[in-house]
Each structure stands twice: as structure tokens, then as C-alpha cells.
Amino acid sequence: MKNLNTNRGISLLKIIILVFVAILILGYFGISLRKTVESPTTQDNLHYVGGGTKSVWDRYLKDPVHYIWQDVWVNIFWRSFISNMERIRDGKPTDFEKAAPTPNFK
């Protein structure tokens, strides 16, 4: 039977292998990563990009991410999860068990 798996994503292992191969290729051509990263031009570029990233975070992303984390994830999902785990620990019915329909035999 033909394999119908169309998921062609890249795995973490493939990324690690590609980075390792890239480092080997750079070494083969005599490019020193240490010298490149420590050069003043690279450091200036990294500080420039870091400052821009911090600016974008502070201006546009900080408030929505905080809202999603605090008001959606923590308040809705995490607290409910912890509450149900405590009920399981204590042998009490969970929210799912309470909301499940029960047969009514008359």
C-alpha cells in the first residue's frame, strides 16, 4: 500500500544535523565563527537588531501576549486544569464527570 503521509516537516534532529554540517563547511572554507561573531561590525549589527526587536516587543507584542497568557491561558485553561487535578487527587468528580449526561431510568 502506498504511504499517504504527506507531512514533510523538518524535525529537530534534521536541524541539528544541518547546523553541524554548515559549521563543518564554514570550517572547511576557513571561516572562523568566533572571529565573525566577535567582530565589531557583527556586534553592532546584533545590537541594532536586538534593539529593534525589543522596540517591536514593547510597542506591539507585549500587551497582546500578556493578555493571551494571563487572561486566556492562566485564567481559563491552567486554573481549570489544576482544579480538576486536585479533584482527581481527592477522589472527587471532575468538571467533565459532572457535565457528562447521566442515564435517567424511569
Protein backbone atom coordinates (compact mmCIF):
# COMPACT_ATOMS: atom_id res chain seq x y z
CA MET A 1 0.00 0.00 0.00
CA LYS A 2 1.23 3.48 -0.80
CA ASN A 3 2.33 5.69 2.10
CA LEU A 4 -0.21 8.51 2.33
CA ASN A 5 1.71 10.50 4.93
CA THR A 6 2.09 13.97 3.42
CA ASN A 7 3.65 15.56 6.50
CA ARG A 8 7.01 16.74 5.20
CA GLY A 9 8.06 18.92 8.12
CA ILE A 10 11.62 19.18 9.33
CA SER A 11 12.50 17.51 12.60
CA LEU A 12 14.73 18.81 15.36
CA LEU A 13 17.29 16.13 14.57
CA LYS A 14 17.46 17.30 10.95
CA ILE A 15 18.01 20.89 12.10
CA ILE A 16 20.85 19.82 14.40
CA ILE A 17 22.48 17.82 11.61
CA LEU A 18 22.13 20.73 9.15
CA VAL A 19 23.70 23.17 11.62
CA PHE A 20 26.57 20.75 12.25
CA VAL A 21 27.15 20.31 8.50
CA ALA A 22 27.02 24.10 7.99
CA ILE A 23 29.66 24.57 10.72
CA LEU A 24 31.86 21.94 9.06
CA ILE A 25 31.50 23.64 5.66
CA LEU A 26 32.41 27.03 7.14
CA GLY A 27 35.46 25.49 8.77
CA TYR A 28 36.47 23.89 5.51
CA PHE A 29 36.46 27.28 3.79
CA GLY A 30 38.47 28.82 6.64
CA ILE A 31 35.68 30.96 8.11
CA SER A 32 36.03 31.32 11.87
CA LEU A 33 32.70 31.67 13.63
CA ARG A 34 34.39 33.12 16.71
CA LYS A 35 36.11 35.88 14.74
CA THR A 36 32.95 36.57 12.79
CA VAL A 37 30.72 36.80 15.87
CA GLU A 38 33.25 38.84 17.88
CA SER A 39 33.95 41.34 15.11
CA PRO A 40 32.83 44.92 15.82
CA THR A 41 30.60 45.02 12.74
CA THR A 42 28.76 41.86 13.74
CA GLN A 43 28.39 43.07 17.32
CA ASP A 44 26.99 46.39 16.07
CA ASN A 45 24.53 44.57 13.82
CA LEU A 46 23.42 42.27 16.65
CA HIS A 47 22.85 45.23 18.98
CA TYR A 48 20.89 47.04 16.26
CA VAL A 49 18.64 44.01 15.61
CA GLY A 50 18.27 43.40 19.34
CA GLY A 51 17.19 46.99 19.91
CA GLY A 52 14.68 46.79 17.07
CA THR A 53 13.31 43.52 18.39
CA LYS A 54 12.93 44.97 21.88
CA SER A 55 11.18 48.00 20.43
CA VAL A 56 8.72 45.84 18.48
CA TRP A 57 8.11 43.71 21.58
CA ASP A 58 7.48 46.75 23.80
CA ARG A 59 5.28 48.60 21.29
CA TYR A 60 3.22 45.89 19.62
CA LEU A 61 3.58 42.42 21.13
CA LYS A 62 3.92 42.79 24.89
CA ASP A 63 0.29 43.68 25.70
CA PRO A 64 -1.41 41.09 23.43
CA VAL A 65 0.93 38.30 24.56
CA HIS A 66 0.41 39.24 28.22
CA TYR A 67 -3.38 39.26 27.69
CA ILE A 68 -3.34 35.86 25.99
CA TRP A 69 -1.05 34.39 28.64
CA GLN A 70 -2.71 35.83 31.73
CA ASP A 71 -6.38 36.20 30.81
CA VAL A 72 -6.79 33.28 28.43
CA TRP A 73 -4.20 30.62 29.26
CA VAL A 74 -3.88 31.04 33.03
CA ASN A 75 -7.43 32.05 33.90
CA ILE A 76 -9.29 29.68 31.59
CA PHE A 77 -7.07 26.67 30.98
CA TRP A 78 -4.47 26.43 33.73
CA ARG A 79 -6.74 27.11 36.72
CA SER A 80 -9.32 24.64 35.41
CA PHE A 81 -6.59 22.05 34.87
CA ILE A 82 -5.21 22.48 38.40
CA SER A 83 -8.71 22.40 39.90
CA ASN A 84 -9.53 19.14 38.12
CA MET A 85 -6.19 17.59 39.07
CA GLU A 86 -6.85 18.42 42.73
CA ARG A 87 -10.31 16.84 42.45
CA ILE A 88 -8.80 13.69 40.95
CA ARG A 89 -6.26 13.59 43.77
CA ASP A 90 -9.03 13.98 46.37
CA GLY A 91 -11.29 11.39 44.71
CA LYS A 92 -13.99 13.91 43.79
CA PRO A 93 -15.71 14.12 40.40
CA THR A 94 -14.11 16.41 37.83
CA ASP A 95 -15.87 19.07 35.79
CA PHE A 96 -16.09 16.59 32.90
CA GLU A 97 -17.74 13.95 35.05
CA LYS A 98 -20.20 16.49 36.46
CA ALA A 99 -21.12 17.75 32.97
CA ALA A 100 -21.47 14.29 31.43
CA PRO A 101 -25.03 13.20 30.75
CA THR A 102 -26.36 10.51 33.04
CA PRO A 103 -28.98 7.97 32.06
CA ASN A 104 -32.40 8.58 33.54
CA PHE A 105 -34.14 5.26 34.13
CA LYS A 106 -37.81 5.67 34.99
